[in-house]
Amino acid sequence: MSLKGAGDDSRESTHSNHETVYSSDGCDAKDAASSIFKPVNLEGLKSNRTIFEDLGGEKKQAKESEFLKKPVAKAQSAMKSEIPGVVFKATANLHKFAGEWENIGPGSVYVTKNKEKRCFFIRDGVMMSAFDFLVTYDTRPTKKRLGVCIGVREMSEGKCTEQPYCVVFKNEHDANEFVSVMKFKEDGPNP
């Protein structure tokens, strides 16, 4: 079967066992496809340089920093943010009871006395307060060996709940001192 267009003699299509398709330039389609994928010599296109070699061009000089020109004054003493009225400070490990005892982590427990007695725990590393409360007449710490358990009132979901914490000290002396400092004395000043 042969098809010829009215004004286009260059296109011819034959359908048989061997199919031949001619394009407008007279090339066979198979020859056109094979000429695209011929191996090409790329030797002239390759570079003998590596990315680490200097390619020349304009070199910029580094500018001297204004910061480095000024002498740096060394601090005479380390700056500390002191906590006023500290009557007790010790390093300890904190645990919180939420269905089961969870380890919050190491830190420092402080008891301060200004107008009111206050107790708080600052975690090491993150420097965040794990609990912070005023010591009142109903604050009753219970000690067992190195651990002292206290109930801290916290607001959660609009309700005031008592959250149990256990402060585990490194030695028994710190645990005993913490319990004695936490006792509320109504008659006379608190230590």
N, C-alpha and C. Protein backbone atom coordinates (compact mmCIF):
# COMPACT_ATOMS: atom_id res chain seq x y z
N MET A 1 0.85 -1.17 0.00
CA MET A 1 0.00 0.00 0.00
C MET A 1 0.88 1.22 0.00
N SER A 2 0.52 2.15 -0.84
CA SER A 2 1.35 3.34 -1.00
C SER A 2 0.48 4.56 -0.90
N LEU A 3 0.93 5.54 -0.12
CA LEU A 3 0.18 6.79 0.03
C LEU A 3 1.03 7.93 -0.46
N LYS A 4 0.46 8.81 -1.25
CA LYS A 4 1.18 9.98 -1.71
C LYS A 4 0.28 11.18 -1.52
N GLY A 5 0.86 12.25 -1.02
CA GLY A 5 0.10 13.48 -0.84
C GLY A 5 -0.03 14.19 -2.18
N ALA A 6 -1.00 15.08 -2.30
CA ALA A 6 -1.25 15.76 -3.55
C ALA A 6 -0.11 16.66 -3.93
N GLY A 7 0.39 17.45 -3.03
CA GLY A 7 1.46 18.38 -3.39
C GLY A 7 2.80 17.97 -2.84
N ASP A 8 2.90 16.87 -2.15
CA ASP A 8 4.14 16.50 -1.47
C ASP A 8 4.61 15.16 -2.00
N ASP A 9 5.60 15.17 -2.91
CA ASP A 9 6.11 13.95 -3.50
C ASP A 9 7.21 13.32 -2.65
N SER A 10 7.78 14.10 -1.68
CA SER A 10 8.93 13.58 -0.94
C SER A 10 8.54 12.62 0.18
N ARG A 11 7.31 12.64 0.60
CA ARG A 11 6.89 11.74 1.68
C ARG A 11 6.29 10.48 1.08
N GLU A 12 6.80 9.37 1.54
CA GLU A 12 6.28 8.11 1.05
C GLU A 12 6.23 7.15 2.22
N SER A 13 5.14 6.45 2.32
CA SER A 13 5.00 5.50 3.40
C SER A 13 4.54 4.18 2.81
N THR A 14 5.27 3.13 3.09
CA THR A 14 4.87 1.82 2.61
C THR A 14 4.70 0.93 3.82
N HIS A 15 3.67 0.17 3.77
CA HIS A 15 3.41 -0.77 4.85
C HIS A 15 3.48 -2.16 4.28
N SER A 16 4.43 -2.91 4.74
CA SER A 16 4.57 -4.31 4.36
C SER A 16 5.28 -5.00 5.50
N ASN A 17 5.93 -6.10 5.21
CA ASN A 17 6.70 -6.77 6.25
C ASN A 17 7.85 -5.91 6.73
N HIS A 18 8.44 -5.15 5.84
CA HIS A 18 9.53 -4.23 6.18
C HIS A 18 9.01 -2.83 5.98
N GLU A 19 8.88 -2.10 7.03
CA GLU A 19 8.28 -0.78 6.98
C GLU A 19 9.35 0.27 6.75
N THR A 20 9.13 1.14 5.79
CA THR A 20 10.06 2.21 5.49
C THR A 20 9.33 3.52 5.57
N VAL A 21 9.90 4.45 6.31
CA VAL A 21 9.29 5.76 6.45
C VAL A 21 10.30 6.78 5.99
N TYR A 22 9.88 7.65 5.06
CA TYR A 22 10.76 8.70 4.57
C TYR A 22 10.29 10.02 5.14
N SER A 23 11.25 10.84 5.51
CA SER A 23 10.89 12.17 6.00
C SER A 23 11.07 13.16 4.88
N SER A 24 10.81 14.43 5.14
CA SER A 24 10.87 15.46 4.11
C SER A 24 12.29 15.68 3.60
N ASP A 25 13.33 15.33 4.39
CA ASP A 25 14.70 15.53 3.91
C ASP A 25 15.22 14.30 3.18
N GLY A 26 14.42 13.26 3.07
CA GLY A 26 14.80 12.10 2.31
C GLY A 26 15.58 11.07 3.11
N CYS A 27 15.76 11.25 4.46
CA CYS A 27 16.52 10.29 5.28
C CYS A 27 15.60 9.22 5.81
N ASP A 28 16.16 8.09 5.96
CA ASP A 28 15.45 6.98 6.57
C ASP A 28 15.36 7.25 8.08
N ALA A 29 14.24 6.96 8.74
CA ALA A 29 14.04 7.23 10.17
C ALA A 29 15.02 6.43 11.03
N LYS A 30 15.35 5.22 10.62
CA LYS A 30 16.30 4.41 11.37
C LYS A 30 17.68 5.03 11.32
N ASP A 31 18.06 5.55 10.15
CA ASP A 31 19.36 6.21 10.03
C ASP A 31 19.42 7.47 10.88
N ALA A 32 18.32 8.19 10.96
CA ALA A 32 18.28 9.42 11.76
C ALA A 32 18.44 9.10 13.24
N ALA A 33 17.77 8.05 13.72
CA ALA A 33 17.85 7.69 15.13
C ALA A 33 19.24 7.16 15.47
N SER A 34 19.83 6.40 14.56
CA SER A 34 21.15 5.85 14.86
C SER A 34 22.23 6.92 14.81
N SER A 35 22.02 7.97 14.04
CA SER A 35 23.03 9.03 13.99
C SER A 35 23.03 9.85 15.27
N ILE A 36 21.94 9.89 15.98
CA ILE A 36 21.87 10.63 17.25
C ILE A 36 22.69 9.92 18.32
N PHE A 37 22.64 8.61 18.35
CA PHE A 37 23.28 7.84 19.39
C PHE A 37 24.63 7.26 19.00
N LYS A 38 25.30 7.84 18.03
CA LYS A 38 26.62 7.38 17.64
C LYS A 38 27.62 7.74 18.71
N PRO A 39 28.62 6.91 18.94
CA PRO A 39 29.67 7.28 19.89
C PRO A 39 30.44 8.48 19.36
N VAL A 40 30.67 9.42 20.22
CA VAL A 40 31.34 10.66 19.84
C VAL A 40 32.64 10.75 20.62
N ASN A 41 33.67 11.28 20.02
CA ASN A 41 34.96 11.46 20.66
C ASN A 41 34.89 12.72 21.54
N LEU A 42 35.01 12.54 22.86
CA LEU A 42 34.91 13.65 23.82
C LEU A 42 36.28 14.08 24.33
N GLU A 43 37.36 13.56 23.76
CA GLU A 43 38.70 13.88 24.25
C GLU A 43 38.99 15.37 24.19
N GLY A 44 38.54 16.04 23.20
CA GLY A 44 38.80 17.47 23.08
C GLY A 44 38.00 18.30 24.09
N LEU A 45 36.93 17.73 24.63
CA LEU A 45 36.08 18.46 25.56
C LEU A 45 36.50 18.28 27.02
N LYS A 46 37.28 17.26 27.31
CA LYS A 46 37.68 16.99 28.69
C LYS A 46 38.76 17.96 29.12
N SER A 47 38.72 18.31 30.42
CA SER A 47 39.72 19.20 31.01
C SER A 47 40.70 18.36 31.82
N ASN A 48 41.95 18.77 31.80
CA ASN A 48 42.97 18.07 32.58
C ASN A 48 43.10 18.64 33.98
N ARG A 49 42.33 19.66 34.31
CA ARG A 49 42.42 20.30 35.62
C ARG A 49 41.43 19.67 36.59
N THR A 50 41.72 19.84 37.87
CA THR A 50 40.80 19.36 38.90
C THR A 50 40.12 20.56 39.54
N ILE A 51 39.16 20.31 40.40
CA ILE A 51 38.45 21.41 41.06
C ILE A 51 39.33 22.11 42.08
N PHE A 52 40.45 21.49 42.44
CA PHE A 52 41.31 22.06 43.46
C PHE A 52 42.40 22.96 42.88
N GLU A 53 42.53 22.99 41.56
CA GLU A 53 43.55 23.83 40.94
C GLU A 53 43.06 25.25 40.80
N ASP A 54 43.99 26.18 40.82
CA ASP A 54 43.67 27.59 40.65
C ASP A 54 43.38 27.83 39.18
N LEU A 55 42.24 28.41 38.89
CA LEU A 55 41.86 28.67 37.51
C LEU A 55 42.30 30.04 37.04
N GLY A 56 43.05 30.73 37.87
CA GLY A 56 43.51 32.07 37.51
C GLY A 56 42.42 33.07 37.82
N GLY A 57 42.34 34.08 37.06
CA GLY A 57 41.31 35.08 37.27
C GLY A 57 41.73 36.09 38.32
N GLU A 58 40.83 36.94 38.69
CA GLU A 58 41.11 38.01 39.63
C GLU A 58 41.14 37.47 41.05
N LYS A 59 42.19 37.79 41.78
CA LYS A 59 42.32 37.34 43.16
C LYS A 59 41.98 38.50 44.08
N LYS A 60 41.07 38.24 45.04
CA LYS A 60 40.66 39.28 45.97
C LYS A 60 41.46 39.15 47.25
N GLN A 61 41.93 40.25 47.74
CA GLN A 61 42.64 40.28 49.01
C GLN A 61 41.61 40.37 50.14
N ALA A 62 41.86 39.63 51.20
CA ALA A 62 40.97 39.68 52.35
C ALA A 62 41.13 41.02 53.05
N LYS A 63 40.00 41.62 53.40
CA LYS A 63 40.04 42.89 54.10
C LYS A 63 40.23 42.64 55.59
N GLU A 64 40.98 43.50 56.23
CA GLU A 64 41.21 43.36 57.66
C GLU A 64 39.94 43.79 58.40
N SER A 65 39.53 42.98 59.35
CA SER A 65 38.30 43.23 60.08
C SER A 65 38.48 44.37 61.07
N GLU A 66 37.47 45.22 61.16
CA GLU A 66 37.48 46.30 62.14
C GLU A 66 37.43 45.74 63.56
N PHE A 67 36.80 44.61 63.72
CA PHE A 67 36.70 43.99 65.03
C PHE A 67 38.08 43.58 65.55
N LEU A 68 38.94 43.12 64.65
CA LEU A 68 40.26 42.66 65.07
C LEU A 68 41.21 43.82 65.38
N LYS A 69 40.91 45.00 64.90
CA LYS A 69 41.78 46.15 65.14
C LYS A 69 41.65 46.66 66.57
N LYS A 70 40.45 46.54 67.15
CA LYS A 70 40.21 47.07 68.49
C LYS A 70 40.69 46.06 69.53
N PRO A 71 41.39 46.52 70.56
CA PRO A 71 41.80 45.59 71.62
C PRO A 71 40.59 45.17 72.45
N VAL A 72 40.61 43.92 72.86
CA VAL A 72 39.51 43.38 73.66
C VAL A 72 39.86 43.54 75.13
N ALA A 73 38.98 44.19 75.87
CA ALA A 73 39.20 44.37 77.30
C ALA A 73 38.75 43.11 78.02
N LYS A 74 39.63 42.54 78.81
CA LYS A 74 39.29 41.33 79.55
C LYS A 74 38.50 41.69 80.79
N ALA A 75 37.52 40.86 81.10
CA ALA A 75 36.70 41.09 82.29
C ALA A 75 37.54 40.84 83.53
N GLN A 76 37.38 41.70 84.51
CA GLN A 76 38.15 41.57 85.75
C GLN A 76 37.67 40.39 86.59
N SER A 77 36.37 40.20 86.65
CA SER A 77 35.82 39.08 87.41
C SER A 77 34.64 38.51 86.64
N ALA A 78 34.36 37.28 86.91
CA ALA A 78 33.25 36.62 86.22
C ALA A 78 31.93 37.23 86.69
N MET A 79 31.03 37.41 85.74
CA MET A 79 29.72 37.98 86.07
C MET A 79 28.82 36.85 86.58
N LYS A 80 28.23 37.05 87.73
CA LYS A 80 27.30 36.07 88.29
C LYS A 80 25.98 36.75 88.55
N SER A 81 24.93 36.03 88.31
CA SER A 81 23.63 36.54 88.71
C SER A 81 23.30 35.84 90.03
N GLU A 82 23.54 36.53 91.10
CA GLU A 82 23.32 35.98 92.44
C GLU A 82 21.83 35.90 92.73
N ILE A 83 21.43 34.89 93.42
CA ILE A 83 20.06 34.75 93.87
C ILE A 83 20.02 35.30 95.29
N PRO A 84 19.23 36.34 95.54
CA PRO A 84 19.23 36.95 96.87
C PRO A 84 18.55 36.08 97.92
N GLY A 85 19.10 36.09 99.11
CA GLY A 85 18.49 35.43 100.26
C GLY A 85 18.58 33.92 100.28
N VAL A 86 19.59 33.33 99.68
CA VAL A 86 19.70 31.87 99.64
C VAL A 86 20.09 31.36 101.03
N VAL A 87 19.26 30.48 101.60
CA VAL A 87 19.57 29.86 102.89
C VAL A 87 19.99 28.40 102.72
N PHE A 88 19.70 27.82 101.54
CA PHE A 88 20.11 26.45 101.27
C PHE A 88 20.29 26.28 99.77
N LYS A 89 21.39 25.62 99.40
CA LYS A 89 21.64 25.27 98.00
C LYS A 89 22.40 23.96 97.99
N ALA A 90 21.96 23.02 97.16
CA ALA A 90 22.64 21.73 97.02
C ALA A 90 22.35 21.15 95.64
N THR A 91 23.28 20.35 95.16
CA THR A 91 23.05 19.65 93.89
C THR A 91 22.28 18.37 94.19
N ALA A 92 21.36 18.03 93.31
CA ALA A 92 20.51 16.87 93.52
C ALA A 92 19.99 16.38 92.18
N ASN A 93 19.29 15.26 92.24
CA ASN A 93 18.63 14.69 91.07
C ASN A 93 17.13 14.73 91.34
N LEU A 94 16.35 15.18 90.38
CA LEU A 94 14.91 15.35 90.58
C LEU A 94 14.12 14.27 89.86
N HIS A 95 13.09 13.76 90.55
CA HIS A 95 12.16 12.78 89.99
C HIS A 95 10.75 13.32 90.17
N LYS A 96 9.90 13.04 89.19
CA LYS A 96 8.50 13.49 89.21
C LYS A 96 7.61 12.27 89.08
N PHE A 97 6.51 12.26 89.86
CA PHE A 97 5.58 11.14 89.79
C PHE A 97 4.43 11.47 88.86
N ALA A 98 4.34 10.73 87.76
CA ALA A 98 3.22 10.87 86.82
C ALA A 98 2.78 9.47 86.43
N GLY A 99 2.09 8.80 87.35
CA GLY A 99 1.72 7.41 87.13
C GLY A 99 2.83 6.47 87.57
N GLU A 100 4.05 6.87 87.30
CA GLU A 100 5.26 6.19 87.79
C GLU A 100 6.35 7.25 87.90
N TRP A 101 7.42 6.94 88.62
CA TRP A 101 8.47 7.93 88.84
C TRP A 101 9.29 8.12 87.57
N GLU A 102 9.40 9.39 87.15
CA GLU A 102 10.18 9.75 85.96
C GLU A 102 11.36 10.59 86.40
N ASN A 103 12.53 10.30 85.85
CA ASN A 103 13.73 11.07 86.16
C ASN A 103 13.72 12.36 85.35
N ILE A 104 13.66 13.51 86.04
CA ILE A 104 13.71 14.81 85.37
C ILE A 104 15.15 15.17 85.03
N GLY A 105 16.07 14.89 85.96
CA GLY A 105 17.48 15.14 85.69
C GLY A 105 18.17 15.85 86.83
N PRO A 106 19.48 16.04 86.69
CA PRO A 106 20.25 16.69 87.75
C PRO A 106 20.08 18.20 87.72
N GLY A 107 20.37 18.81 88.87
CA GLY A 107 20.27 20.27 88.97
C GLY A 107 20.58 20.73 90.37
N SER A 108 20.15 21.93 90.69
CA SER A 108 20.38 22.52 92.01
C SER A 108 19.05 22.89 92.63
N VAL A 109 18.89 22.53 93.90
CA VAL A 109 17.70 22.91 94.64
C VAL A 109 18.08 24.09 95.55
N TYR A 110 17.23 25.12 95.55
CA TYR A 110 17.47 26.33 96.34
C TYR A 110 16.31 26.54 97.30
N VAL A 111 16.62 27.05 98.48
CA VAL A 111 15.61 27.56 99.39
C VAL A 111 16.05 28.98 99.72
N THR A 112 15.17 29.95 99.47
CA THR A 112 15.50 31.35 99.73
C THR A 112 14.56 31.90 100.79
N LYS A 113 15.03 32.92 101.49
CA LYS A 113 14.22 33.58 102.52
C LYS A 113 14.39 35.07 102.37
N ASN A 114 13.39 35.73 101.84
CA ASN A 114 13.34 37.18 101.81
C ASN A 114 12.17 37.57 102.69
N LYS A 115 11.04 37.92 102.12
CA LYS A 115 9.84 38.14 102.92
C LYS A 115 9.17 36.80 103.21
N GLU A 116 9.21 35.91 102.23
CA GLU A 116 8.62 34.58 102.37
C GLU A 116 9.66 33.54 101.97
N LYS A 117 9.49 32.35 102.49
CA LYS A 117 10.40 31.26 102.15
C LYS A 117 9.94 30.63 100.85
N ARG A 118 10.88 30.41 99.97
CA ARG A 118 10.58 29.90 98.63
C ARG A 118 11.55 28.77 98.30
N CYS A 119 11.08 27.74 97.59
CA CYS A 119 11.91 26.61 97.17
C CYS A 119 11.76 26.45 95.66
N PHE A 120 12.90 26.23 94.98
CA PHE A 120 12.84 25.99 93.53
C PHE A 120 14.00 25.11 93.11
N PHE A 121 13.83 24.46 91.96
CA PHE A 121 14.83 23.54 91.41
C PHE A 121 15.19 24.01 90.02
N ILE A 122 16.49 24.26 89.78
CA ILE A 122 16.99 24.68 88.47
C ILE A 122 17.75 23.50 87.86
N ARG A 123 17.33 23.07 86.69
CA ARG A 123 17.98 21.94 86.01
C ARG A 123 19.31 22.36 85.42
N ASP A 124 20.29 21.47 85.50
CA ASP A 124 21.61 21.71 84.90
C ASP A 124 21.48 21.68 83.38
N GLY A 125 22.33 22.45 82.71
CA GLY A 125 22.35 22.44 81.25
C GLY A 125 21.30 23.34 80.64
N VAL A 126 20.03 23.04 80.87
CA VAL A 126 18.96 23.84 80.26
C VAL A 126 18.62 25.07 81.09
N MET A 127 19.05 25.11 82.34
CA MET A 127 18.82 26.24 83.25
C MET A 127 17.35 26.63 83.32
N MET A 128 16.48 25.63 83.40
CA MET A 128 15.04 25.88 83.52
C MET A 128 14.57 25.44 84.89
N SER A 129 13.54 26.12 85.37
CA SER A 129 12.97 25.79 86.67
C SER A 129 12.02 24.61 86.52
N ALA A 130 12.25 23.55 87.31
CA ALA A 130 11.37 22.39 87.26
C ALA A 130 10.18 22.59 88.20
N PHE A 131 10.42 23.19 89.37
CA PHE A 131 9.33 23.60 90.25
C PHE A 131 9.75 24.85 91.00
N ASP A 132 8.75 25.59 91.46
CA ASP A 132 8.97 26.84 92.18
C ASP A 132 7.73 27.08 93.03
N PHE A 133 7.89 27.09 94.37
CA PHE A 133 6.72 27.26 95.23
C PHE A 133 7.12 27.96 96.52
N LEU A 134 6.11 28.52 97.19
CA LEU A 134 6.30 29.13 98.50
C LEU A 134 6.14 28.06 99.57
N VAL A 135 7.01 28.09 100.57
CA VAL A 135 6.92 27.13 101.67
C VAL A 135 5.87 27.66 102.64
N THR A 136 4.83 26.86 102.86
CA THR A 136 3.74 27.25 103.76
C THR A 136 3.62 26.24 104.89
N TYR A 137 2.64 26.47 105.76
CA TYR A 137 2.47 25.60 106.93
C TYR A 137 2.14 24.16 106.53
N ASP A 138 1.53 23.96 105.36
CA ASP A 138 1.17 22.60 104.96
C ASP A 138 2.21 21.93 104.06
N THR A 139 3.37 22.54 103.91
CA THR A 139 4.46 21.90 103.16
C THR A 139 5.16 20.93 104.11
N ARG A 140 5.02 19.65 103.82
CA ARG A 140 5.58 18.63 104.72
C ARG A 140 6.49 17.70 103.92
N PRO A 141 7.79 17.96 103.93
CA PRO A 141 8.70 17.05 103.24
C PRO A 141 8.87 15.75 104.02
N THR A 142 8.93 14.63 103.30
CA THR A 142 9.19 13.33 103.93
C THR A 142 10.50 12.79 103.39
N LYS A 143 11.35 12.37 104.32
CA LYS A 143 12.71 11.93 103.97
C LYS A 143 12.82 10.43 104.12
N LYS A 144 13.50 9.82 103.16
CA LYS A 144 13.85 8.41 103.26
C LYS A 144 15.23 8.26 102.65
N ARG A 145 16.20 7.99 103.47
CA ARG A 145 17.62 7.91 103.09
C ARG A 145 18.07 9.20 102.43
N LEU A 146 18.42 9.15 101.13
CA LEU A 146 18.91 10.34 100.43
C LEU A 146 17.81 11.12 99.72
N GLY A 147 16.61 10.57 99.67
CA GLY A 147 15.51 11.20 98.95
C GLY A 147 14.56 11.95 99.87
N VAL A 148 14.10 13.10 99.40
CA VAL A 148 13.09 13.88 100.13
C VAL A 148 11.93 14.11 99.17
N CYS A 149 10.74 13.66 99.57
CA CYS A 149 9.54 13.83 98.74
C CYS A 149 8.75 15.03 99.23
N ILE A 150 8.27 15.82 98.27
CA ILE A 150 7.45 16.99 98.58
C ILE A 150 6.31 17.04 97.58
N GLY A 151 5.20 17.61 98.02
CA GLY A 151 4.06 17.83 97.13
C GLY A 151 4.03 19.29 96.72
N VAL A 152 4.01 19.53 95.43
CA VAL A 152 4.03 20.89 94.90
C VAL A 152 2.70 21.14 94.19
N ARG A 153 2.04 22.24 94.56
CA ARG A 153 0.78 22.58 93.91
C ARG A 153 1.07 23.22 92.55
N GLU A 154 0.46 22.65 91.52
CA GLU A 154 0.65 23.15 90.15
C GLU A 154 -0.70 23.33 89.49
N MET A 155 -0.77 24.29 88.58
CA MET A 155 -1.99 24.51 87.80
C MET A 155 -1.87 23.72 86.50
N SER A 156 -2.83 22.84 86.25
CA SER A 156 -2.87 22.11 84.99
C SER A 156 -4.32 22.01 84.55
N GLU A 157 -4.59 22.43 83.32
CA GLU A 157 -5.92 22.41 82.74
C GLU A 157 -6.93 23.17 83.59
N GLY A 158 -6.50 24.28 84.17
CA GLY A 158 -7.39 25.13 84.96
C GLY A 158 -7.66 24.61 86.36
N LYS A 159 -6.99 23.53 86.76
CA LYS A 159 -7.19 22.96 88.10
C LYS A 159 -5.88 23.01 88.87
N CYS A 160 -6.00 23.19 90.16
CA CYS A 160 -4.83 23.15 91.03
C CYS A 160 -4.67 21.72 91.53
N THR A 161 -3.57 21.08 91.17
CA THR A 161 -3.31 19.71 91.60
C THR A 161 -2.00 19.66 92.36
N GLU A 162 -1.88 18.68 93.24
CA GLU A 162 -0.63 18.51 93.98
C GLU A 162 0.21 17.46 93.26
N GLN A 163 1.37 17.89 92.80
CA GLN A 163 2.28 17.03 92.04
C GLN A 163 3.40 16.55 92.96
N PRO A 164 3.56 15.24 93.14
CA PRO A 164 4.66 14.74 93.98
C PRO A 164 6.01 14.78 93.24
N TYR A 165 7.02 15.30 93.93
CA TYR A 165 8.40 15.33 93.45
C TYR A 165 9.28 14.65 94.49
N CYS A 166 10.37 14.06 94.04
CA CYS A 166 11.37 13.49 94.94
C CYS A 166 12.72 14.08 94.57
N VAL A 167 13.35 14.75 95.55
CA VAL A 167 14.66 15.33 95.36
C VAL A 167 15.66 14.37 96.00
N VAL A 168 16.54 13.79 95.20
CA VAL A 168 17.52 12.81 95.68
C VAL A 168 18.87 13.51 95.79
N PHE A 169 19.38 13.61 97.02
CA PHE A 169 20.64 14.31 97.28
C PHE A 169 21.81 13.35 97.18
N LYS A 170 23.02 13.93 97.09
CA LYS A 170 24.23 13.11 96.97
C LYS A 170 24.67 12.54 98.32
N ASN A 171 24.32 13.24 99.41
CA ASN A 171 24.68 12.72 100.73
C ASN A 171 23.54 12.98 101.71
N GLU A 172 23.57 12.28 102.83
CA GLU A 172 22.49 12.36 103.81
C GLU A 172 22.49 13.69 104.56
N HIS A 173 23.64 14.31 104.70
CA HIS A 173 23.72 15.61 105.38
C HIS A 173 22.89 16.66 104.63
N ASP A 174 23.01 16.71 103.30
CA ASP A 174 22.22 17.65 102.50
C ASP A 174 20.72 17.36 102.62
N ALA A 175 20.35 16.08 102.65
CA ALA A 175 18.93 15.71 102.77
C ALA A 175 18.38 16.15 104.12
N ASN A 176 19.13 15.93 105.20
CA ASN A 176 18.68 16.34 106.54
C ASN A 176 18.56 17.85 106.63
N GLU A 177 19.53 18.57 106.10
CA GLU A 177 19.51 20.03 106.15
C GLU A 177 18.34 20.59 105.34
N PHE A 178 18.05 19.98 104.19
CA PHE A 178 16.92 20.43 103.36
C PHE A 178 15.60 20.28 104.12
N VAL A 179 15.42 19.15 104.81
CA VAL A 179 14.19 18.92 105.57
C VAL A 179 14.05 19.94 106.69
N SER A 180 15.15 20.23 107.39
CA SER A 180 15.08 21.19 108.50
C SER A 180 14.82 22.61 108.00
N VAL A 181 15.39 22.98 106.86
CA VAL A 181 15.17 24.32 106.30
C VAL A 181 13.74 24.46 105.78
N MET A 182 13.16 23.38 105.28
CA MET A 182 11.81 23.42 104.71
C MET A 182 10.71 23.48 105.77
N LYS A 183 11.03 23.27 107.03
CA LYS A 183 10.00 23.31 108.08
C LYS A 183 9.52 24.74 108.25
N PHE A 184 8.21 24.87 108.32
CA PHE A 184 7.58 26.19 108.46
C PHE A 184 7.45 26.50 109.95
N LYS A 185 7.98 27.66 110.33
CA LYS A 185 7.87 28.10 111.72
C LYS A 185 6.99 29.33 111.73
N GLU A 186 5.81 29.18 112.35
CA GLU A 186 4.87 30.29 112.37
C GLU A 186 5.24 31.32 113.42
N ASP A 187 5.67 30.87 114.59
CA ASP A 187 6.05 31.81 115.65
C ASP A 187 7.52 32.16 115.49
N GLY A 188 7.80 33.39 115.22
CA GLY A 188 9.18 33.84 115.03
C GLY A 188 9.57 33.76 113.57
N PRO A 189 10.71 34.32 113.25
CA PRO A 189 11.16 34.34 111.85
C PRO A 189 11.64 32.97 111.39
N ASN A 190 11.41 32.69 110.13
CA ASN A 190 11.90 31.45 109.51
C ASN A 190 13.37 31.63 109.18
N PRO A 191 14.17 30.57 109.29
CA PRO A 191 15.59 30.71 108.92
C PRO A 191 15.78 30.90 107.45
